C-alpha cells in the first residue's frame, strides 16, 4: 500500500476519516472502557496539525459519548450517530420525529427487558439495541432480527456488530462523507463494520478505502487489525510531514 500512501500524502488537500470502534479501538462488553489503539490517535493528531489536512472520526456512537471515550478534541472533527451529530452542529427533530422516536424506545426497551444482558442505548436521533452481553448467541441473533423488523413510519433500521439501530434521521456515513469529500483533493476512509460500507461506496478513484478485518467490502484495500490501522496512519503522517 506504500505507493498509494505516497501518492495521497502529496495531494494539496487531504481528508482522513476513520470509524472508531473496531478501527481505532477494540470491542468490550463495557462500551465506556474499550481498548484504544493510542498509536492511531497519536497519528491522527499529527495529521490534523499539518496544513491542508482535515481529520475526522465518524462513528455510530452518540457525539458526547464519542468525545468522552476517544478523548479527541479540535482540530479533529468528531461526528456521531453515523453523521447525524457533529461537533460543529446538529439538526433539530420535528414533532413527528420525536413521536416516532418514542415508539422506537418503547419497542426496543420491551425487547431488551426480556433477556439478561440486552440493553438499549439512547442517542439524540437513534435508539440502539445492544446484545453483546447476551450469553446465548442464538438468542442474541433472534433479538436483533426482531428489532430489525420494526415497522414504524419515518424510522430507518441498521444492523452493526452486535447491535440493531433505529433512527429518525436518515443519515448514514456515506451521505456525510459524500458531502465532506467534495472539499478535498483526495479522501482516505477506514472502517470495519457493515455501516462503514456506505462510506466506502461513495469514494472515488482518487480516494482510498481501507477495510479493517475480514468480510466482503467495497473498499479497495484491507488491513488485518487495529495494529494495521496504526501502522498505516503512522506511515501516512510520516510521509505527509
C-alpha atoms as a PDB file:
ATOM      1  CA  UNK A   1       0.000   0.000   0.000  1.00  0.00           C
ATOM      2  CA  UNK A   2       3.036   2.282   0.269  1.00  0.00           C
ATOM      3  CA  UNK A   3       2.778   3.679  -3.318  1.00  0.00           C
ATOM      4  CA  UNK A   4      -0.860   4.629  -2.667  1.00  0.00           C
ATOM      5  CA  UNK A   5       0.014   6.306   0.618  1.00  0.00           C
ATOM      6  CA  UNK A   6       2.905   8.157  -1.016  1.00  0.00           C
ATOM      7  CA  UNK A   7       0.554   9.489  -3.701  1.00  0.00           C
ATOM      8  CA  UNK A   8      -2.091  10.542  -1.192  1.00  0.00           C
ATOM      9  CA  UNK A   9       0.450  12.154   1.117  1.00  0.00           C
ATOM     10  CA  UNK A  10       1.287  14.643  -1.643  1.00  0.00           C
ATOM     11  CA  UNK A  11      -2.189  15.867  -2.643  1.00  0.00           C
ATOM     12  CA  UNK A  12      -2.842  19.569  -1.959  1.00  0.00           C
ATOM     13  CA  UNK A  13      -5.773  18.973   0.427  1.00  0.00           C
ATOM     14  CA  UNK A  14      -6.279  15.626   2.120  1.00  0.00           C
ATOM     15  CA  UNK A  15      -9.264  14.396   4.149  1.00  0.00           C
ATOM     16  CA  UNK A  16      -8.719  11.471   6.539  1.00  0.00           C
ATOM     17  CA  UNK A  17     -11.823   9.948   8.124  1.00  0.00           C
ATOM     18  CA  UNK A  18     -11.910   6.923  10.413  1.00  0.00           C
ATOM     19  CA  UNK A  19     -14.527   4.875  12.176  1.00  0.00           C
ATOM     20  CA  UNK A  20     -13.880   4.483  15.921  1.00  0.00           C
ATOM     21  CA  UNK A  21     -14.962   1.105  17.325  1.00  0.00           C
ATOM     22  CA  UNK A  22     -13.196  -1.758  15.579  1.00  0.00           C
ATOM     23  CA  UNK A  23     -10.831   0.646  13.814  1.00  0.00           C
ATOM     24  CA  UNK A  24      -9.229   2.953  16.377  1.00  0.00           C
ATOM     25  CA  UNK A  25     -10.415   0.922  19.366  1.00  0.00           C
ATOM     26  CA  UNK A  26     -11.266  -2.686  20.114  1.00  0.00           C
ATOM     27  CA  UNK A  27     -14.504  -4.082  21.491  1.00  0.00           C
ATOM     28  CA  UNK A  28     -15.630  -4.666  25.060  1.00  0.00           C
ATOM     29  CA  UNK A  29     -18.839  -5.558  26.875  1.00  0.00           C
ATOM     30  CA  UNK A  30     -18.355  -2.151  28.556  1.00  0.00           C
ATOM     31  CA  UNK A  31     -18.681   0.423  25.777  1.00  0.00           C
ATOM     32  CA  UNK A  32     -17.079   3.059  28.001  1.00  0.00           C
ATOM     33  CA  UNK A  33     -13.911   1.015  28.515  1.00  0.00           C
ATOM     34  CA  UNK A  34     -12.895  -0.188  25.049  1.00  0.00           C
ATOM     35  CA  UNK A  35      -9.164  -0.777  24.463  1.00  0.00           C
ATOM     36  CA  UNK A  36      -7.891   2.175  22.419  1.00  0.00           C
ATOM     37  CA  UNK A  37      -5.004   1.944  19.945  1.00  0.00           C
ATOM     38  CA  UNK A  38      -3.170   5.080  21.065  1.00  0.00           C
ATOM     39  CA  UNK A  39      -0.673   4.939  18.187  1.00  0.00           C
ATOM     40  CA  UNK A  40      -3.571   5.559  15.825  1.00  0.00           C
ATOM     41  CA  UNK A  41      -4.853   8.512  17.831  1.00  0.00           C
ATOM     42  CA  UNK A  42      -1.357   9.989  18.019  1.00  0.00           C
ATOM     43  CA  UNK A  43      -1.014   9.683  14.239  1.00  0.00           C
ATOM     44  CA  UNK A  44      -4.388  11.373  13.704  1.00  0.00           C
ATOM     45  CA  UNK A  45      -3.333  14.239  15.961  1.00  0.00           C
ATOM     46  CA  UNK A  46      -0.105  14.632  13.983  1.00  0.00           C
ATOM     47  CA  UNK A  47      -2.029  14.652  10.708  1.00  0.00           C
ATOM     48  CA  UNK A  48      -4.606  17.154  11.963  1.00  0.00           C
ATOM     49  CA  UNK A  49      -1.796  19.546  12.907  1.00  0.00           C
ATOM     50  CA  UNK A  50      -0.484  19.611   9.336  1.00  0.00           C
ATOM     51  CA  UNK A  51      -1.552  22.310   6.857  1.00  0.00           C
ATOM     52  CA  UNK A  52      -4.334  21.500   4.368  1.00  0.00           C
ATOM     53  CA  UNK A  53      -5.075  18.211   6.154  1.00  0.00           C
ATOM     54  CA  UNK A  54      -8.525  17.588   7.623  1.00  0.00           C
ATOM     55  CA  UNK A  55      -9.166  14.737  10.055  1.00  0.00           C
ATOM     56  CA  UNK A  56     -12.468  13.392  11.350  1.00  0.00           C
ATOM     57  CA  UNK A  57     -13.660  10.431  13.376  1.00  0.00           C
ATOM     58  CA  UNK A  58     -17.045   9.251  12.078  1.00  0.00           C
ATOM     59  CA  UNK A  59     -18.808   6.902  14.467  1.00  0.00           C
ATOM     60  CA  UNK A  60     -22.129   5.295  15.173  1.00  0.00           C
ATOM     61  CA  UNK A  61     -21.757   6.369  18.796  1.00  0.00           C
ATOM     62  CA  UNK A  62     -23.539   9.446  20.056  1.00  0.00           C
ATOM     63  CA  UNK A  63     -21.387  12.557  19.806  1.00  0.00           C
ATOM     64  CA  UNK A  64     -20.961  13.165  23.538  1.00  0.00           C
ATOM     65  CA  UNK A  65     -20.072   9.527  24.205  1.00  0.00           C
ATOM     66  CA  UNK A  66     -17.583   9.576  21.327  1.00  0.00           C
ATOM     67  CA  UNK A  67     -15.964  12.693  22.759  1.00  0.00           C
ATOM     68  CA  UNK A  68     -15.678  11.168  26.234  1.00  0.00           C
ATOM     69  CA  UNK A  69     -14.408   7.741  25.181  1.00  0.00           C
ATOM     70  CA  UNK A  70     -11.969   8.868  22.477  1.00  0.00           C
ATOM     71  CA  UNK A  71     -10.539  11.867  24.323  1.00  0.00           C
ATOM     72  CA  UNK A  72     -10.079  13.592  20.966  1.00  0.00           C
ATOM     73  CA  UNK A  73     -10.503  17.344  20.582  1.00  0.00           C
ATOM     74  CA  UNK A  74     -10.132  20.052  17.923  1.00  0.00           C
ATOM     75  CA  UNK A  75      -8.773  20.257  15.302  1.00  0.00           C
ATOM     76  CA  UNK A  76     -10.001  16.655  14.846  1.00  0.00           C
ATOM     77  CA  UNK A  77     -13.702  16.773  13.982  1.00  0.00           C
ATOM     78  CA  UNK A  78     -15.921  14.332  15.860  1.00  0.00           C
ATOM     79  CA  UNK A  79     -19.030  13.098  14.077  1.00  0.00           C
ATOM     80  CA  UNK A  80     -21.530  10.850  15.848  1.00  0.00           C
ATOM     81  CA  UNK A  81     -24.681   8.900  15.058  1.00  0.00           C
ATOM     82  CA  UNK A  82     -23.404   7.943  11.575  1.00  0.00           C
ATOM     83  CA  UNK A  83     -23.168  11.593  10.552  1.00  0.00           C
ATOM     84  CA  UNK A  84     -26.306  12.998  12.214  1.00  0.00           C
ATOM     85  CA  UNK A  85     -24.350  14.666  15.038  1.00  0.00           C
ATOM     86  CA  UNK A  86     -21.273  16.794  14.542  1.00  0.00           C
ATOM     87  CA  UNK A  87     -19.008  18.825  16.792  1.00  0.00           C
ATOM     88  CA  UNK A  88     -19.935  21.786  14.567  1.00  0.00           C
ATOM     89  CA  UNK A  89     -23.719  21.405  14.992  1.00  0.00           C
ATOM     90  CA  UNK A  90     -26.690  19.041  14.711  1.00  0.00           C
ATOM     91  CA  UNK A  91     -30.236  19.135  13.280  1.00  0.00           C
ATOM     92  CA  UNK A  92     -33.412  19.545  15.357  1.00  0.00           C
ATOM     93  CA  UNK A  93     -36.181  16.942  15.484  1.00  0.00           C
ATOM     94  CA  UNK A  94     -39.691  17.629  14.218  1.00  0.00           C
ATOM     95  CA  UNK A  95     -42.734  16.664  16.292  1.00  0.00           C
ATOM     96  CA  UNK A  96     -43.307  13.647  14.033  1.00  0.00           C
ATOM     97  CA  UNK A  97     -39.727  12.509  14.530  1.00  0.00           C
ATOM     98  CA  UNK A  98     -39.983  12.861  18.315  1.00  0.00           C
ATOM     99  CA  UNK A  99     -43.161  10.762  18.297  1.00  0.00           C
ATOM    100  CA  UNK A 100     -41.512   8.080  16.155  1.00  0.00           C
ATOM    101  CA  UNK A 101     -38.507   8.021  18.487  1.00  0.00           C
ATOM    102  CA  UNK A 102     -40.794   7.451  21.480  1.00  0.00           C
ATOM    103  CA  UNK A 103     -42.350   4.479  19.665  1.00  0.00           C
ATOM    104  CA  UNK A 104     -38.909   3.058  18.910  1.00  0.00           C
ATOM    105  CA  UNK A 105     -37.892   3.495  22.539  1.00  0.00           C
ATOM    106  CA  UNK A 106     -40.911   1.561  23.803  1.00  0.00           C
ATOM    107  CA  UNK A 107     -40.381  -1.266  21.301  1.00  0.00           C
ATOM    108  CA  UNK A 108     -36.635  -1.653  21.908  1.00  0.00           C
ATOM    109  CA  UNK A 109     -36.945  -1.419  25.699  1.00  0.00           C
ATOM    110  CA  UNK A 110     -39.606  -4.145  25.611  1.00  0.00           C
ATOM    111  CA  UNK A 111     -37.234  -6.424  23.691  1.00  0.00           C
ATOM    112  CA  UNK A 112     -34.279  -5.715  25.975  1.00  0.00           C
ATOM    113  CA  UNK A 113     -36.205  -6.275  29.183  1.00  0.00           C
ATOM    114  CA  UNK A 114     -36.935  -9.879  28.233  1.00  0.00           C
ATOM    115  CA  UNK A 115     -33.318 -11.047  28.170  1.00  0.00           C
ATOM    116  CA  UNK A 116     -30.491 -10.546  30.647  1.00  0.00           C
ATOM    117  CA  UNK A 117     -27.570  -8.685  29.096  1.00  0.00           C
ATOM    118  CA  UNK A 118     -29.563  -6.863  26.415  1.00  0.00           C
ATOM    119  CA  UNK A 119     -29.813  -3.101  26.788  1.00  0.00           C
ATOM    120  CA  UNK A 120     -30.873  -0.012  24.868  1.00  0.00           C
ATOM    121  CA  UNK A 121     -28.619   2.960  24.223  1.00  0.00           C
ATOM    122  CA  UNK A 122     -30.357   6.330  23.879  1.00  0.00           C
ATOM    123  CA  UNK A 123     -28.842   8.740  21.349  1.00  0.00           C
ATOM    124  CA  UNK A 124     -30.369  12.061  20.241  1.00  0.00           C
ATOM    125  CA  UNK A 125     -31.756  10.701  16.964  1.00  0.00           C
ATOM    126  CA  UNK A 126     -31.439   6.936  17.424  1.00  0.00           C
ATOM    127  CA  UNK A 127     -32.082   4.053  19.766  1.00  0.00           C
ATOM    128  CA  UNK A 128     -29.646   1.153  19.710  1.00  0.00           C
ATOM    129  CA  UNK A 129     -30.320  -2.370  20.971  1.00  0.00           C
ATOM    130  CA  UNK A 130     -27.072  -3.957  22.191  1.00  0.00           C
ATOM    131  CA  UNK A 131     -26.799  -7.739  22.567  1.00  0.00           C
ATOM    132  CA  UNK A 132     -23.031  -8.181  23.020  1.00  0.00           C
ATOM    133  CA  UNK A 133     -23.623  -9.118  26.685  1.00  0.00           C
ATOM    134  CA  UNK A 134     -26.239 -11.795  25.912  1.00  0.00           C
ATOM    135  CA  UNK A 135     -24.621 -15.158  26.677  1.00  0.00           C
ATOM    136  CA  UNK A 136     -26.714 -17.175  24.218  1.00  0.00           C
ATOM    137  CA  UNK A 137     -25.617 -16.058  20.744  1.00  0.00           C
ATOM    138  CA  UNK A 138     -28.589 -17.683  19.012  1.00  0.00           C
ATOM    139  CA  UNK A 139     -30.931 -15.790  21.297  1.00  0.00           C
ATOM    140  CA  UNK A 140     -28.974 -12.600  20.654  1.00  0.00           C
ATOM    141  CA  UNK A 141     -29.431 -13.124  16.920  1.00  0.00           C
ATOM    142  CA  UNK A 142     -33.196 -13.545  17.357  1.00  0.00           C
ATOM    143  CA  UNK A 143     -33.377 -10.310  19.349  1.00  0.00           C
ATOM    144  CA  UNK A 144     -31.583  -8.447  16.586  1.00  0.00           C
ATOM    145  CA  UNK A 145     -33.895  -9.924  13.952  1.00  0.00           C
ATOM    146  CA  UNK A 146     -36.915  -8.801  15.957  1.00  0.00           C
ATOM    147  CA  UNK A 147     -35.515  -5.313  16.407  1.00  0.00           C
ATOM    148  CA  UNK A 148     -34.671  -5.036  12.706  1.00  0.00           C
ATOM    149  CA  UNK A 149     -38.220  -5.995  11.717  1.00  0.00           C
ATOM    150  CA  UNK A 150     -39.686  -2.936  13.429  1.00  0.00           C
ATOM    151  CA  UNK A 151     -42.149  -1.117  11.158  1.00  0.00           C
ATOM    152  CA  UNK A 152     -42.664   2.492  12.228  1.00  0.00           C
ATOM    153  CA  UNK A 153     -43.127   5.251   9.614  1.00  0.00           C
ATOM    154  CA  UNK A 154     -40.134   7.525   9.316  1.00  0.00           C
ATOM    155  CA  UNK A 155     -37.763   5.118  11.085  1.00  0.00           C
ATOM    156  CA  UNK A 156     -34.624   3.768   9.396  1.00  0.00           C
ATOM    157  CA  UNK A 157     -33.112   0.497  10.616  1.00  0.00           C
ATOM    158  CA  UNK A 158     -29.442  -0.506  10.521  1.00  0.00           C
ATOM    159  CA  UNK A 159     -27.521  -3.538  11.728  1.00  0.00           C
ATOM    160  CA  UNK A 160     -23.989  -3.383  13.088  1.00  0.00           C
ATOM    161  CA  UNK A 161     -21.774  -5.666  15.154  1.00  0.00           C
ATOM    162  CA  UNK A 162     -23.997  -6.968  17.972  1.00  0.00           C
ATOM    163  CA  UNK A 163     -26.417  -4.064  17.542  1.00  0.00           C
ATOM    164  CA  UNK A 164     -29.670  -3.072  15.872  1.00  0.00           C
ATOM    165  CA  UNK A 165     -30.177   0.647  15.439  1.00  0.00           C
ATOM    166  CA  UNK A 166     -33.353   2.576  14.675  1.00  0.00           C
ATOM    167  CA  UNK A 167     -33.088   6.236  13.677  1.00  0.00           C
ATOM    168  CA  UNK A 168     -35.480   9.026  12.781  1.00  0.00           C
ATOM    169  CA  UNK A 169     -32.918  10.946  10.703  1.00  0.00           C
ATOM    170  CA  UNK A 170     -31.957   9.149   7.510  1.00  0.00           C
ATOM    171  CA  UNK A 171     -28.256   9.975   7.574  1.00  0.00           C
ATOM    172  CA  UNK A 172     -25.523   7.417   7.121  1.00  0.00           C
ATOM    173  CA  UNK A 173     -21.758   7.523   6.895  1.00  0.00           C
ATOM    174  CA  UNK A 174     -21.968   7.592   3.110  1.00  0.00           C
ATOM    175  CA  UNK A 175     -24.194  10.668   2.883  1.00  0.00           C
ATOM    176  CA  UNK A 176     -21.969  12.526   5.361  1.00  0.00           C
ATOM    177  CA  UNK A 177     -18.744  11.564   3.588  1.00  0.00           C
ATOM    178  CA  UNK A 178     -20.136  12.284   0.129  1.00  0.00           C
ATOM    179  CA  UNK A 179     -20.610  15.916   1.136  1.00  0.00           C
ATOM    180  CA  UNK A 180     -17.332  16.334   3.010  1.00  0.00           C
ATOM    181  CA  UNK A 181     -15.104  14.800   0.341  1.00  0.00           C
ATOM    182  CA  UNK A 182     -16.079  17.481  -2.169  1.00  0.00           C
ATOM    183  CA  UNK A 183     -13.796  19.878  -0.265  1.00  0.00           C
ATOM    184  CA  UNK A 184     -10.701  17.661  -0.620  1.00  0.00           C
ATOM    185  CA  UNK A 185      -8.467  16.531  -3.470  1.00  0.00           C
ATOM    186  CA  UNK A 186      -8.433  13.013  -2.020  1.00  0.00           C
ATOM    187  CA  UNK A 187     -10.057  11.170   0.858  1.00  0.00           C
ATOM    188  CA  UNK A 188      -8.985   8.230   2.995  1.00  0.00           C
ATOM    189  CA  UNK A 189     -11.660   6.354   4.908  1.00  0.00           C
ATOM    190  CA  UNK A 190     -11.037   3.484   7.323  1.00  0.00           C
ATOM    191  CA  UNK A 191     -13.692   1.252   8.867  1.00  0.00           C
ATOM    192  CA  UNK A 192     -14.547  -2.280   9.894  1.00  0.00           C
ATOM    193  CA  UNK A 193     -18.334  -2.554  10.164  1.00  0.00           C
ATOM    194  CA  UNK A 194     -21.242  -3.042   7.786  1.00  0.00           C
ATOM    195  CA  UNK A 195     -22.287   0.585   8.376  1.00  0.00           C
ATOM    196  CA  UNK A 196     -18.907   1.687   7.001  1.00  0.00           C
ATOM    197  CA  UNK A 197     -19.737   0.190   3.620  1.00  0.00           C
ATOM    198  CA  UNK A 198     -21.975   3.197   2.888  1.00  0.00           C
ATOM    199  CA  UNK A 199     -18.846   5.361   3.125  1.00  0.00           C
ATOM    200  CA  UNK A 200     -16.662   3.062   1.048  1.00  0.00           C
ATOM    201  CA  UNK A 201     -19.217   3.159  -1.763  1.00  0.00           C
ATOM    202  CA  UNK A 202     -19.065   6.953  -2.197  1.00  0.00           C
ATOM    203  CA  UNK A 203     -15.281   7.080  -2.596  1.00  0.00           C
ATOM    204  CA  UNK A 204     -13.861   7.951  -5.991  1.00  0.00           C
ATOM    205  CA  UNK A 205     -10.839   6.701  -7.969  1.00  0.00           C
ATOM    206  CA  UNK A 206      -8.514   9.247  -6.321  1.00  0.00           C
ATOM    207  CA  UNK A 207      -9.544   8.104  -2.838  1.00  0.00           C
ATOM    208  CA  UNK A 208      -8.555   5.208  -0.592  1.00  0.00           C
ATOM    209  CA  UNK A 209     -10.965   2.940   1.290  1.00  0.00           C
ATOM    210  CA  UNK A 210      -9.424   0.663   3.914  1.00  0.00           C
ATOM    211  CA  UNK A 211     -11.409  -2.220   5.363  1.00  0.00           C
ATOM    212  CA  UNK A 212     -10.275  -3.426   8.789  1.00  0.00           C
ATOM    213  CA  UNK A 213     -10.542  -7.187   9.255  1.00  0.00           C
ATOM    214  CA  UNK A 214     -12.347  -9.888   7.259  1.00  0.00           C
ATOM    215  CA  UNK A 215     -15.584  -9.760   5.271  1.00  0.00           C
ATOM    216  CA  UNK A 216     -16.878  -8.627   1.921  1.00  0.00           C
ATOM    217  CA  UNK A 217     -16.323  -4.950   1.241  1.00  0.00           C
ATOM    218  CA  UNK A 218     -16.481  -2.147  -1.281  1.00  0.00           C
ATOM    219  CA  UNK A 219     -13.114  -0.895  -0.007  1.00  0.00           C
ATOM    220  CA  UNK A 220     -10.123  -1.204  -2.304  1.00  0.00           C
ATOM    221  CA  UNK A 221      -7.605  -2.055   0.424  1.00  0.00           C
ATOM    222  CA  UNK A 222      -7.567  -4.027   3.642  1.00  0.00           C
ATOM    223  CA  UNK A 223      -5.607  -4.264   6.895  1.00  0.00           C
ATOM    224  CA  UNK A 224      -5.940  -7.164   9.320  1.00  0.00           C
ATOM    225  CA  UNK A 225      -6.480  -5.417  12.626  1.00  0.00           C
ATOM    226  CA  UNK A 226      -6.042  -2.327  14.795  1.00  0.00           C
ATOM    227  CA  UNK A 227      -2.269  -2.637  14.603  1.00  0.00           C
ATOM    228  CA  UNK A 228      -2.536  -2.459  10.816  1.00  0.00           C
ATOM    229  CA  UNK A 229      -4.557   0.743  11.146  1.00  0.00           C
ATOM    230  CA  UNK A 230      -1.939   2.251  13.465  1.00  0.00           C
ATOM    231  CA  UNK A 231       0.878   1.294  11.086  1.00  0.00           C
ATOM    232  CA  UNK A 232      -0.942   2.831   8.113  1.00  0.00           C
ATOM    233  CA  UNK A 233      -1.806   6.101   9.859  1.00  0.00           C
ATOM    234  CA  UNK A 234       1.689   6.457  11.303  1.00  0.00           C
ATOM    235  CA  UNK A 235       3.245   5.897   7.889  1.00  0.00           C
ATOM    236  CA  UNK A 236       0.863   8.437   6.331  1.00  0.00           C
ATOM    237  CA  UNK A 237       1.737  11.024   8.989  1.00  0.00           C
ATOM    238  CA  UNK A 238       5.445  10.450   8.359  1.00  0.00           C
ATOM    239  CA  UNK A 239       5.025  10.808   4.589  1.00  0.00           C
ATOM    240  CA  UNK A 240       2.915  13.978   4.758  1.00  0.00           C
ATOM    241  CA  UNK A 241       5.006  15.747   7.415  1.00  0.00           C
END
